[in-house]
Amino acid sequence: MSKQNRSRKTYAGRVYLGHGRYHWVGRFSTKKARDDAVAAARVELRQGVPETITVGRWAETFLARYRRERKQSSYNTTERGLRGFLADFADRPLRSITRAEVMMWADRQPASRLPSVRTMFAAAVDAELIERNPFRGLVRSSRGRSDDAPPTPEELGALLGACSVHGWYASRMRALVQFAAYTGLRPGEMFAPNGRTWTSTRVA
């Protein structure tokens, strides 16, 4: 083999299978040949994926992995966010979900549900079960509690009085409620000062 042939550039072709795994296709003399071969291999591989895999089945797989990789609070939030979608679509084949119908479904849902469903479908794209995420870009800002009126003096008094159910802890709970009422701090800002978890100790 001549030096010229040995130095000729080739292009590696492989198909990403998810979870850090690849299917090797081969080496090719041109990018176009490589891309065509990869596209053909991807079609062949997808023929082994059941067309009838349901949204509910994929959600189980997605949540199982999510639980292993994320903290429990993140898992709980994601699992709750998926419940509404699964109630309507769990029995549907994953590939049958269309962009148009999820847009209409999203318009009827609280904004807080959409990120979880979008993430689940993004994982399906990454696993090459579907071509595109039907929930791409479907994000709405939540108004949160911006329309909620603060408690009246009477309601605050009732809340402080109800702290008595905590027994020996009642005085600390009243102080916490009063502090929140007059400073406007959020719970997370009060419970974790300086980035540390706030813990209570009993005062004799």
N, C-alpha and C. Protein backbone atom coordinates (compact mmCIF):
# COMPACT_ATOMS: atom_id res chain seq x y z
N MET A 1 0.85 -1.19 0.00
CA MET A 1 0.00 0.00 0.00
C MET A 1 0.89 1.24 0.00
N SER A 2 0.58 2.19 -0.87
CA SER A 2 1.38 3.40 -0.97
C SER A 2 1.16 4.29 0.23
N LYS A 3 2.12 5.20 0.44
CA LYS A 3 2.00 6.15 1.54
C LYS A 3 0.76 7.02 1.39
N GLN A 4 0.42 7.35 0.12
CA GLN A 4 -0.76 8.18 -0.14
C GLN A 4 -2.04 7.48 0.31
N ASN A 5 -2.12 6.16 0.01
CA ASN A 5 -3.32 5.41 0.39
C ASN A 5 -3.42 5.24 1.90
N ARG A 6 -2.25 5.06 2.56
CA ARG A 6 -2.28 4.88 4.01
C ARG A 6 -2.75 6.14 4.73
N SER A 7 -2.46 7.32 4.15
CA SER A 7 -2.80 8.57 4.81
C SER A 7 -4.18 9.10 4.42
N ARG A 8 -4.86 8.37 3.51
CA ARG A 8 -6.18 8.84 3.07
C ARG A 8 -7.14 8.84 4.26
N LYS A 9 -7.89 9.93 4.42
CA LYS A 9 -8.80 10.07 5.55
C LYS A 9 -10.04 9.22 5.35
N THR A 10 -10.49 8.59 6.40
CA THR A 10 -11.74 7.84 6.38
C THR A 10 -12.67 8.38 7.46
N TYR A 11 -13.94 8.01 7.36
CA TYR A 11 -14.96 8.54 8.27
C TYR A 11 -15.65 7.38 8.98
N ALA A 12 -15.61 7.43 10.31
CA ALA A 12 -16.20 6.37 11.12
C ALA A 12 -17.71 6.56 11.21
N GLY A 13 -18.43 5.48 11.08
CA GLY A 13 -19.89 5.53 11.19
C GLY A 13 -20.38 4.69 12.36
N ARG A 14 -21.21 5.25 13.18
CA ARG A 14 -21.79 4.52 14.29
C ARG A 14 -23.12 5.14 14.66
N VAL A 15 -23.98 4.36 15.28
CA VAL A 15 -25.31 4.80 15.68
C VAL A 15 -25.35 4.82 17.21
N TYR A 16 -25.74 5.95 17.74
CA TYR A 16 -25.84 6.06 19.20
C TYR A 16 -27.08 5.33 19.69
N LEU A 17 -26.89 4.44 20.68
CA LEU A 17 -27.99 3.63 21.20
C LEU A 17 -28.53 4.14 22.53
N GLY A 18 -27.87 5.15 23.10
CA GLY A 18 -28.28 5.63 24.41
C GLY A 18 -27.46 4.98 25.51
N HIS A 19 -27.45 5.64 26.67
CA HIS A 19 -26.73 5.11 27.83
C HIS A 19 -25.24 4.88 27.54
N GLY A 20 -24.66 5.72 26.68
CA GLY A 20 -23.24 5.60 26.39
C GLY A 20 -22.87 4.45 25.46
N ARG A 21 -23.84 3.83 24.79
CA ARG A 21 -23.58 2.69 23.91
C ARG A 21 -23.73 3.08 22.44
N TYR A 22 -22.93 2.44 21.58
CA TYR A 22 -22.97 2.72 20.15
C TYR A 22 -23.02 1.41 19.35
N HIS A 23 -23.63 1.49 18.18
CA HIS A 23 -23.61 0.38 17.23
C HIS A 23 -22.65 0.75 16.10
N TRP A 24 -21.57 -0.06 15.94
CA TRP A 24 -20.56 0.24 14.94
C TRP A 24 -21.07 -0.11 13.54
N VAL A 25 -20.90 0.83 12.60
CA VAL A 25 -21.34 0.62 11.22
C VAL A 25 -20.15 0.35 10.30
N GLY A 26 -19.07 1.10 10.47
CA GLY A 26 -17.90 0.89 9.63
C GLY A 26 -17.18 2.18 9.33
N ARG A 27 -16.14 2.08 8.48
CA ARG A 27 -15.39 3.26 8.02
C ARG A 27 -15.64 3.45 6.54
N PHE A 28 -15.71 4.73 6.15
CA PHE A 28 -16.09 5.06 4.79
C PHE A 28 -15.18 6.15 4.23
N SER A 29 -15.05 6.14 2.91
CA SER A 29 -14.10 7.05 2.27
C SER A 29 -14.63 8.48 2.18
N THR A 30 -15.96 8.65 2.26
CA THR A 30 -16.55 9.99 2.19
C THR A 30 -17.58 10.16 3.29
N LYS A 31 -17.84 11.42 3.63
CA LYS A 31 -18.86 11.69 4.63
C LYS A 31 -20.23 11.24 4.16
N LYS A 32 -20.51 11.44 2.87
CA LYS A 32 -21.82 11.07 2.36
C LYS A 32 -22.04 9.56 2.47
N ALA A 33 -21.02 8.79 2.13
CA ALA A 33 -21.15 7.33 2.24
C ALA A 33 -21.37 6.94 3.70
N ARG A 34 -20.63 7.59 4.59
CA ARG A 34 -20.80 7.31 6.01
C ARG A 34 -22.21 7.64 6.49
N ASP A 35 -22.70 8.84 6.11
CA ASP A 35 -24.03 9.27 6.55
C ASP A 35 -25.13 8.38 6.01
N ASP A 36 -24.99 7.94 4.74
CA ASP A 36 -26.00 7.06 4.15
C ASP A 36 -26.03 5.71 4.86
N ALA A 37 -24.85 5.19 5.19
CA ALA A 37 -24.78 3.90 5.86
C ALA A 37 -25.33 3.99 7.28
N VAL A 38 -25.04 5.07 7.97
CA VAL A 38 -25.56 5.27 9.32
C VAL A 38 -27.07 5.38 9.31
N ALA A 39 -27.60 6.11 8.33
CA ALA A 39 -29.05 6.26 8.21
C ALA A 39 -29.72 4.91 7.97
N ALA A 40 -29.12 4.10 7.12
CA ALA A 40 -29.69 2.78 6.83
C ALA A 40 -29.62 1.88 8.06
N ALA A 41 -28.50 1.95 8.78
CA ALA A 41 -28.36 1.14 10.00
C ALA A 41 -29.36 1.57 11.06
N ARG A 42 -29.61 2.85 11.14
CA ARG A 42 -30.57 3.34 12.13
C ARG A 42 -31.97 2.80 11.84
N VAL A 43 -32.34 2.75 10.55
CA VAL A 43 -33.64 2.20 10.17
C VAL A 43 -33.73 0.73 10.55
N GLU A 44 -32.66 -0.02 10.27
CA GLU A 44 -32.66 -1.44 10.59
C GLU A 44 -32.78 -1.68 12.09
N LEU A 45 -32.07 -0.88 12.86
CA LEU A 45 -32.13 -1.03 14.31
C LEU A 45 -33.51 -0.71 14.84
N ARG A 46 -34.15 0.29 14.27
CA ARG A 46 -35.47 0.67 14.76
C ARG A 46 -36.52 -0.37 14.44
N GLN A 47 -36.26 -1.20 13.45
CA GLN A 47 -37.22 -2.24 13.14
C GLN A 47 -37.34 -3.25 14.28
N GLY A 48 -36.32 -3.28 15.13
CA GLY A 48 -36.37 -4.16 16.29
C GLY A 48 -37.08 -3.56 17.47
N VAL A 49 -37.46 -2.27 17.38
CA VAL A 49 -38.18 -1.61 18.47
C VAL A 49 -39.67 -1.77 18.24
N PRO A 50 -40.39 -2.36 19.16
CA PRO A 50 -41.83 -2.56 18.96
C PRO A 50 -42.55 -1.24 18.69
N GLU A 51 -43.33 -1.25 17.61
CA GLU A 51 -44.11 -0.06 17.30
C GLU A 51 -45.16 0.19 18.37
N THR A 52 -45.49 -0.83 19.13
CA THR A 52 -46.59 -0.70 20.08
C THR A 52 -46.13 -0.34 21.49
N ILE A 53 -44.85 -0.02 21.69
CA ILE A 53 -44.43 0.38 23.03
C ILE A 53 -45.27 1.57 23.45
N THR A 54 -45.89 1.47 24.60
CA THR A 54 -46.84 2.48 25.01
C THR A 54 -46.18 3.59 25.81
N VAL A 55 -46.90 4.69 25.92
CA VAL A 55 -46.44 5.81 26.73
C VAL A 55 -46.24 5.35 28.17
N GLY A 56 -47.19 4.56 28.67
CA GLY A 56 -47.09 4.08 30.04
C GLY A 56 -45.87 3.20 30.27
N ARG A 57 -45.57 2.33 29.31
CA ARG A 57 -44.39 1.45 29.43
C ARG A 57 -43.11 2.29 29.40
N TRP A 58 -43.06 3.26 28.52
CA TRP A 58 -41.86 4.10 28.46
C TRP A 58 -41.73 4.93 29.73
N ALA A 59 -42.85 5.41 30.27
CA ALA A 59 -42.80 6.20 31.50
C ALA A 59 -42.21 5.37 32.64
N GLU A 60 -42.56 4.09 32.72
CA GLU A 60 -42.00 3.23 33.76
C GLU A 60 -40.48 3.12 33.62
N THR A 61 -40.02 2.92 32.39
CA THR A 61 -38.58 2.82 32.13
C THR A 61 -37.87 4.12 32.45
N PHE A 62 -38.47 5.23 32.00
CA PHE A 62 -37.89 6.55 32.23
C PHE A 62 -37.80 6.86 33.72
N LEU A 63 -38.88 6.61 34.46
CA LEU A 63 -38.89 6.94 35.88
C LEU A 63 -37.94 6.05 36.68
N ALA A 64 -37.80 4.80 36.28
CA ALA A 64 -36.88 3.91 36.98
C ALA A 64 -35.44 4.43 36.87
N ARG A 65 -35.07 4.87 35.69
CA ARG A 65 -33.73 5.42 35.51
C ARG A 65 -33.60 6.77 36.22
N TYR A 66 -34.65 7.57 36.15
CA TYR A 66 -34.63 8.89 36.78
C TYR A 66 -34.43 8.75 38.29
N ARG A 67 -35.06 7.75 38.87
CA ARG A 67 -34.94 7.54 40.31
C ARG A 67 -33.51 7.15 40.69
N ARG A 68 -32.85 6.39 39.84
CA ARG A 68 -31.47 5.98 40.13
C ARG A 68 -30.50 7.15 40.03
N GLU A 69 -30.78 8.10 39.14
CA GLU A 69 -29.81 9.14 38.83
C GLU A 69 -30.06 10.47 39.52
N ARG A 70 -31.25 10.69 40.03
CA ARG A 70 -31.59 11.97 40.62
C ARG A 70 -31.95 11.84 42.09
N LYS A 71 -31.96 12.97 42.78
CA LYS A 71 -32.35 12.94 44.18
C LYS A 71 -33.85 12.69 44.29
N GLN A 72 -34.27 12.23 45.46
CA GLN A 72 -35.65 11.81 45.66
C GLN A 72 -36.64 12.93 45.41
N SER A 73 -36.32 14.15 45.84
CA SER A 73 -37.26 15.26 45.65
C SER A 73 -37.47 15.55 44.17
N SER A 74 -36.41 15.46 43.35
CA SER A 74 -36.55 15.67 41.91
C SER A 74 -37.39 14.58 41.28
N TYR A 75 -37.18 13.34 41.73
CA TYR A 75 -37.99 12.24 41.23
C TYR A 75 -39.46 12.45 41.56
N ASN A 76 -39.74 12.83 42.80
CA ASN A 76 -41.14 13.03 43.22
C ASN A 76 -41.81 14.10 42.37
N THR A 77 -41.10 15.19 42.11
CA THR A 77 -41.66 16.27 41.29
C THR A 77 -41.96 15.78 39.88
N THR A 78 -41.04 15.04 39.29
CA THR A 78 -41.22 14.54 37.93
C THR A 78 -42.35 13.53 37.86
N GLU A 79 -42.40 12.63 38.83
CA GLU A 79 -43.46 11.62 38.84
C GLU A 79 -44.84 12.25 38.95
N ARG A 80 -44.96 13.26 39.83
CA ARG A 80 -46.25 13.96 39.96
C ARG A 80 -46.60 14.69 38.66
N GLY A 81 -45.59 15.28 38.02
CA GLY A 81 -45.85 16.02 36.79
C GLY A 81 -46.33 15.15 35.65
N LEU A 82 -46.00 13.86 35.68
CA LEU A 82 -46.40 12.95 34.61
C LEU A 82 -47.79 12.36 34.80
N ARG A 83 -48.33 12.45 36.00
CA ARG A 83 -49.59 11.75 36.28
C ARG A 83 -50.72 12.18 35.35
N GLY A 84 -50.88 13.48 35.15
CA GLY A 84 -51.97 13.96 34.31
C GLY A 84 -51.85 13.47 32.87
N PHE A 85 -50.63 13.49 32.34
CA PHE A 85 -50.43 13.03 30.97
C PHE A 85 -50.68 11.54 30.85
N LEU A 86 -50.19 10.77 31.82
CA LEU A 86 -50.39 9.34 31.78
C LEU A 86 -51.86 8.96 31.92
N ALA A 87 -52.61 9.75 32.67
CA ALA A 87 -54.05 9.47 32.82
C ALA A 87 -54.75 9.54 31.46
N ASP A 88 -54.25 10.39 30.56
CA ASP A 88 -54.89 10.56 29.25
C ASP A 88 -54.24 9.73 28.15
N PHE A 89 -52.94 9.39 28.28
CA PHE A 89 -52.21 8.82 27.15
C PHE A 89 -51.46 7.53 27.46
N ALA A 90 -51.56 6.98 28.66
CA ALA A 90 -50.72 5.84 29.03
C ALA A 90 -50.85 4.65 28.09
N ASP A 91 -52.03 4.40 27.55
CA ASP A 91 -52.26 3.23 26.70
C ASP A 91 -51.94 3.48 25.23
N ARG A 92 -51.58 4.69 24.89
CA ARG A 92 -51.27 5.01 23.49
C ARG A 92 -49.86 4.57 23.12
N PRO A 93 -49.65 4.08 21.89
CA PRO A 93 -48.28 3.81 21.43
C PRO A 93 -47.46 5.10 21.47
N LEU A 94 -46.23 4.99 21.91
CA LEU A 94 -45.38 6.17 22.07
C LEU A 94 -45.25 6.94 20.75
N ARG A 95 -45.10 6.22 19.66
CA ARG A 95 -44.89 6.87 18.36
C ARG A 95 -46.15 7.49 17.79
N SER A 96 -47.30 7.22 18.40
CA SER A 96 -48.55 7.76 17.85
C SER A 96 -48.86 9.15 18.36
N ILE A 97 -48.11 9.64 19.35
CA ILE A 97 -48.40 10.94 19.94
C ILE A 97 -47.98 12.04 18.97
N THR A 98 -48.93 12.89 18.60
CA THR A 98 -48.65 13.92 17.61
C THR A 98 -48.43 15.29 18.26
N ARG A 99 -47.74 16.12 17.52
CA ARG A 99 -47.47 17.49 17.98
C ARG A 99 -48.76 18.26 18.19
N ALA A 100 -49.70 18.14 17.27
CA ALA A 100 -50.94 18.91 17.34
C ALA A 100 -51.73 18.56 18.60
N GLU A 101 -51.85 17.27 18.90
CA GLU A 101 -52.68 16.90 20.05
C GLU A 101 -52.04 17.27 21.37
N VAL A 102 -50.69 17.21 21.46
CA VAL A 102 -50.09 17.59 22.73
C VAL A 102 -50.13 19.11 22.92
N MET A 103 -50.13 19.87 21.84
CA MET A 103 -50.28 21.32 21.96
C MET A 103 -51.65 21.65 22.55
N MET A 104 -52.68 20.95 22.06
CA MET A 104 -54.02 21.19 22.60
C MET A 104 -54.13 20.70 24.04
N TRP A 105 -53.49 19.57 24.33
CA TRP A 105 -53.52 19.05 25.70
C TRP A 105 -52.79 20.01 26.64
N ALA A 106 -51.65 20.52 26.22
CA ALA A 106 -50.86 21.41 27.07
C ALA A 106 -51.61 22.69 27.40
N ASP A 107 -52.43 23.16 26.47
CA ASP A 107 -53.19 24.39 26.72
C ASP A 107 -54.18 24.24 27.87
N ARG A 108 -54.55 23.01 28.18
CA ARG A 108 -55.53 22.77 29.24
C ARG A 108 -54.89 22.41 30.57
N GLN A 109 -53.56 22.36 30.62
CA GLN A 109 -52.87 21.88 31.80
C GLN A 109 -52.17 23.00 32.56
N PRO A 110 -51.95 22.81 33.87
CA PRO A 110 -51.11 23.76 34.61
C PRO A 110 -49.70 23.77 34.02
N ALA A 111 -49.08 24.92 34.02
CA ALA A 111 -47.73 25.04 33.45
C ALA A 111 -46.74 24.12 34.14
N SER A 112 -46.96 23.81 35.41
CA SER A 112 -46.01 23.00 36.17
C SER A 112 -45.92 21.56 35.68
N ARG A 113 -46.92 21.08 34.91
CA ARG A 113 -46.89 19.70 34.44
C ARG A 113 -46.02 19.52 33.20
N LEU A 114 -45.82 20.56 32.43
CA LEU A 114 -45.19 20.42 31.12
C LEU A 114 -43.72 20.02 31.17
N PRO A 115 -42.89 20.58 32.08
CA PRO A 115 -41.47 20.20 32.06
C PRO A 115 -41.24 18.70 32.23
N SER A 116 -42.01 18.05 33.08
CA SER A 116 -41.82 16.62 33.31
C SER A 116 -42.12 15.81 32.06
N VAL A 117 -43.20 16.14 31.38
CA VAL A 117 -43.57 15.40 30.17
C VAL A 117 -42.56 15.67 29.06
N ARG A 118 -42.13 16.92 28.94
CA ARG A 118 -41.13 17.27 27.92
C ARG A 118 -39.84 16.50 28.15
N THR A 119 -39.42 16.37 29.42
CA THR A 119 -38.20 15.64 29.74
C THR A 119 -38.34 14.16 29.41
N MET A 120 -39.51 13.58 29.67
CA MET A 120 -39.71 12.18 29.36
C MET A 120 -39.62 11.92 27.86
N PHE A 121 -40.20 12.79 27.05
CA PHE A 121 -40.13 12.61 25.61
C PHE A 121 -38.74 12.91 25.07
N ALA A 122 -38.02 13.83 25.70
CA ALA A 122 -36.63 14.08 25.30
C ALA A 122 -35.79 12.83 25.50
N ALA A 123 -36.05 12.10 26.58
CA ALA A 123 -35.34 10.85 26.83
C ALA A 123 -35.70 9.80 25.77
N ALA A 124 -36.94 9.82 25.29
CA ALA A 124 -37.33 8.89 24.23
C ALA A 124 -36.62 9.21 22.92
N VAL A 125 -36.41 10.50 22.65
CA VAL A 125 -35.64 10.90 21.47
C VAL A 125 -34.20 10.42 21.62
N ASP A 126 -33.62 10.61 22.80
CA ASP A 126 -32.25 10.20 23.05
C ASP A 126 -32.09 8.69 22.88
N ALA A 127 -33.12 7.94 23.26
CA ALA A 127 -33.10 6.48 23.09
C ALA A 127 -33.47 6.07 21.68
N GLU A 128 -33.73 7.04 20.81
CA GLU A 128 -34.08 6.83 19.40
C GLU A 128 -35.33 5.98 19.24
N LEU A 129 -36.29 6.18 20.16
CA LEU A 129 -37.59 5.55 20.02
C LEU A 129 -38.52 6.40 19.17
N ILE A 130 -38.31 7.71 19.17
CA ILE A 130 -39.07 8.63 18.34
C ILE A 130 -38.10 9.61 17.68
N GLU A 131 -38.54 10.24 16.61
CA GLU A 131 -37.68 11.16 15.86
C GLU A 131 -37.54 12.51 16.54
N ARG A 132 -38.68 13.07 16.96
CA ARG A 132 -38.67 14.41 17.53
C ARG A 132 -39.55 14.45 18.78
N ASN A 133 -39.23 15.39 19.66
CA ASN A 133 -39.99 15.55 20.89
C ASN A 133 -41.25 16.37 20.59
N PRO A 134 -42.45 15.79 20.72
CA PRO A 134 -43.67 16.54 20.43
C PRO A 134 -43.90 17.69 21.40
N PHE A 135 -43.22 17.68 22.55
CA PHE A 135 -43.39 18.74 23.55
C PHE A 135 -42.30 19.81 23.46
N ARG A 136 -41.48 19.75 22.42
CA ARG A 136 -40.40 20.73 22.29
C ARG A 136 -40.97 22.15 22.28
N GLY A 137 -40.39 22.99 23.12
CA GLY A 137 -40.79 24.40 23.14
C GLY A 137 -42.09 24.70 23.86
N LEU A 138 -42.78 23.67 24.34
CA LEU A 138 -44.06 23.92 25.02
C LEU A 138 -43.80 24.26 26.48
N VAL A 139 -43.46 25.51 26.71
CA VAL A 139 -43.16 25.98 28.06
C VAL A 139 -44.00 27.23 28.33
N ARG A 140 -44.64 27.24 29.49
CA ARG A 140 -45.38 28.43 29.89
C ARG A 140 -44.90 28.84 31.27
N SER A 141 -44.76 30.13 31.46
CA SER A 141 -44.36 30.63 32.78
C SER A 141 -45.54 30.54 33.74
N SER A 142 -45.26 30.02 34.90
CA SER A 142 -46.31 29.93 35.92
C SER A 142 -46.41 31.26 36.67
N ARG A 143 -47.63 31.67 36.95
CA ARG A 143 -47.85 32.89 37.71
C ARG A 143 -47.56 32.70 39.18
N GLY A 144 -47.45 31.41 39.58
CA GLY A 144 -47.16 31.14 40.99
C GLY A 144 -48.24 31.72 41.89
N ARG A 145 -47.79 32.42 42.93
CA ARG A 145 -48.75 32.99 43.88
C ARG A 145 -48.86 34.51 43.70
N SER A 146 -48.53 35.00 42.53
CA SER A 146 -48.52 36.45 42.32
C SER A 146 -49.91 37.06 42.48
N ASP A 147 -50.96 36.27 42.26
CA ASP A 147 -52.32 36.80 42.38
C ASP A 147 -52.93 36.56 43.77
N ASP A 148 -52.20 35.86 44.62
CA ASP A 148 -52.73 35.56 45.96
C ASP A 148 -52.53 36.76 46.89
N ALA A 149 -53.58 37.10 47.59
CA ALA A 149 -53.49 38.20 48.56
C ALA A 149 -52.82 37.69 49.83
N PRO A 150 -52.04 38.51 50.49
CA PRO A 150 -51.43 38.09 51.76
C PRO A 150 -52.52 37.91 52.81
N PRO A 151 -52.23 37.15 53.86
CA PRO A 151 -53.25 36.95 54.90
C PRO A 151 -53.60 38.26 55.59
N THR A 152 -54.86 38.39 55.96
CA THR A 152 -55.30 39.56 56.71
C THR A 152 -54.77 39.45 58.14
N PRO A 153 -54.79 40.55 58.92
CA PRO A 153 -54.37 40.45 60.33
C PRO A 153 -55.15 39.40 61.10
N GLU A 154 -56.44 39.26 60.76
CA GLU A 154 -57.25 38.26 61.45
C GLU A 154 -56.80 36.84 61.08
N GLU A 155 -56.50 36.61 59.79
CA GLU A 155 -56.05 35.30 59.34
C GLU A 155 -54.68 34.96 59.93
N LEU A 156 -53.81 35.97 60.01
CA LEU A 156 -52.50 35.75 60.61
C LEU A 156 -52.64 35.39 62.09
N GLY A 157 -53.56 36.08 62.78
CA GLY A 157 -53.79 35.77 64.18
C GLY A 157 -54.29 34.35 64.36
N ALA A 158 -55.20 33.92 63.47
CA ALA A 158 -55.72 32.56 63.55
C ALA A 158 -54.62 31.54 63.30
N LEU A 159 -53.73 31.85 62.36
CA LEU A 159 -52.63 30.95 62.06
C LEU A 159 -51.67 30.83 63.24
N LEU A 160 -51.39 31.97 63.88
CA LEU A 160 -50.52 31.94 65.06
C LEU A 160 -51.15 31.15 66.20
N GLY A 161 -52.46 31.30 66.35
CA GLY A 161 -53.15 30.56 67.40
C GLY A 161 -53.13 29.07 67.14
N ALA A 162 -53.20 28.70 65.86
CA ALA A 162 -53.22 27.27 65.52
C ALA A 162 -51.88 26.60 65.79
N CYS A 163 -50.83 27.39 65.95
CA CYS A 163 -49.51 26.80 66.23
C CYS A 163 -49.49 26.04 67.55
N SER A 164 -50.48 26.26 68.39
CA SER A 164 -50.51 25.60 69.70
C SER A 164 -50.59 24.08 69.57
N VAL A 165 -51.04 23.58 68.43
CA VAL A 165 -51.14 22.13 68.25
C VAL A 165 -49.76 21.48 68.27
N HIS A 166 -48.69 22.27 68.13
CA HIS A 166 -47.33 21.72 68.10
C HIS A 166 -46.73 21.54 69.49
N GLY A 167 -47.52 21.83 70.52
CA GLY A 167 -47.05 21.59 71.88
C GLY A 167 -45.81 22.40 72.23
N TRP A 168 -44.77 21.70 72.74
CA TRP A 168 -43.56 22.40 73.16
C TRP A 168 -42.91 23.18 72.03
N TYR A 169 -43.22 22.80 70.78
CA TYR A 169 -42.61 23.45 69.62
C TYR A 169 -43.40 24.67 69.16
N ALA A 170 -44.53 24.96 69.81
CA ALA A 170 -45.44 26.01 69.35
C ALA A 170 -44.77 27.38 69.32
N SER A 171 -43.97 27.71 70.34
CA SER A 171 -43.37 29.05 70.39
C SER A 171 -42.42 29.28 69.22
N ARG A 172 -41.68 28.23 68.88
CA ARG A 172 -40.75 28.37 67.74
C ARG A 172 -41.52 28.48 66.43
N MET A 173 -42.60 27.73 66.31
CA MET A 173 -43.40 27.79 65.09
C MET A 173 -44.04 29.16 64.93
N ARG A 174 -44.52 29.75 66.04
CA ARG A 174 -45.10 31.10 65.97
C ARG A 174 -44.05 32.11 65.52
N ALA A 175 -42.85 31.97 66.07
CA ALA A 175 -41.77 32.89 65.69
C ALA A 175 -41.46 32.77 64.20
N LEU A 176 -41.49 31.53 63.69
CA LEU A 176 -41.21 31.31 62.28
C LEU A 176 -42.29 31.94 61.41
N VAL A 177 -43.56 31.76 61.79
CA VAL A 177 -44.67 32.33 61.03
C VAL A 177 -44.61 33.86 61.05
N GLN A 178 -44.36 34.42 62.21
CA GLN A 178 -44.27 35.88 62.30
C GLN A 178 -43.10 36.43 61.49
N PHE A 179 -41.98 35.74 61.55
CA PHE A 179 -40.82 36.17 60.79
C PHE A 179 -41.11 36.15 59.29
N ALA A 180 -41.78 35.10 58.82
CA ALA A 180 -42.14 35.00 57.41
C ALA A 180 -43.12 36.10 57.02
N ALA A 181 -44.07 36.37 57.91
CA ALA A 181 -45.11 37.36 57.60
C ALA A 181 -44.54 38.76 57.46
N TYR A 182 -43.56 39.10 58.27
CA TYR A 182 -43.05 40.47 58.28
C TYR A 182 -41.82 40.69 57.40
N THR A 183 -41.22 39.60 56.94
CA THR A 183 -40.06 39.75 56.06
C THR A 183 -40.36 39.38 54.62
N GLY A 184 -41.36 38.52 54.41
CA GLY A 184 -41.68 38.09 53.05
C GLY A 184 -40.74 37.05 52.50
N LEU A 185 -39.90 36.46 53.35
CA LEU A 185 -38.98 35.43 52.90
C LEU A 185 -39.75 34.16 52.52
N ARG A 186 -39.21 33.43 51.55
CA ARG A 186 -39.79 32.16 51.15
C ARG A 186 -39.33 31.06 52.11
N PRO A 187 -40.08 29.94 52.17
CA PRO A 187 -39.71 28.86 53.10
C PRO A 187 -38.27 28.39 52.94
N GLY A 188 -37.84 28.20 51.69
CA GLY A 188 -36.48 27.73 51.47
C GLY A 188 -35.43 28.69 51.97
N GLU A 189 -35.74 29.98 51.93
CA GLU A 189 -34.79 30.99 52.40
C GLU A 189 -34.70 31.00 53.93
N MET A 190 -35.78 30.61 54.57
CA MET A 190 -35.77 30.56 56.04
C MET A 190 -35.20 29.26 56.57
N PHE A 191 -35.44 28.15 55.85
CA PHE A 191 -35.05 26.85 56.36
C PHE A 191 -33.59 26.51 56.08
N ALA A 192 -32.97 27.18 55.12
CA ALA A 192 -31.60 26.80 54.75
C ALA A 192 -30.69 28.02 54.70
N PRO A 193 -30.47 28.71 55.80
CA PRO A 193 -29.56 29.85 55.79
C PRO A 193 -28.14 29.43 55.48
N ASN A 194 -27.44 30.26 54.71
CA ASN A 194 -26.05 30.00 54.34
C ASN A 194 -25.86 28.67 53.62
N GLY A 195 -26.95 28.23 52.95
CA GLY A 195 -26.84 27.00 52.17
C GLY A 195 -26.88 25.72 52.98
N ARG A 196 -27.09 25.79 54.30
CA ARG A 196 -27.13 24.60 55.14
C ARG A 196 -28.58 24.29 55.52
N THR A 197 -28.85 23.03 55.70
CA THR A 197 -30.19 22.62 56.08
C THR A 197 -30.49 23.08 57.50
N TRP A 198 -31.65 23.73 57.67
CA TRP A 198 -32.04 24.23 59.00
C TRP A 198 -32.60 23.09 59.80
N THR A 199 -32.11 22.91 61.01
CA THR A 199 -32.63 21.87 61.90
C THR A 199 -33.01 22.50 63.22
N SER A 200 -33.95 21.90 63.87
CA SER A 200 -34.44 22.46 65.14
C SER A 200 -33.85 21.67 66.31
N THR A 201 -33.74 22.33 67.41
CA THR A 201 -33.34 21.68 68.66
C THR A 201 -34.34 22.09 69.74
N ARG A 202 -34.62 21.18 70.61
CA ARG A 202 -35.59 21.47 71.66
C ARG A 202 -34.97 22.39 72.71
N VAL A 203 -35.74 23.41 73.04
CA VAL A 203 -35.28 24.35 74.05
C VAL A 203 -35.98 24.04 75.36
N ALA A 204 -35.23 23.82 76.42
CA ALA A 204 -35.82 23.46 77.71
C ALA A 204 -36.57 24.63 78.29
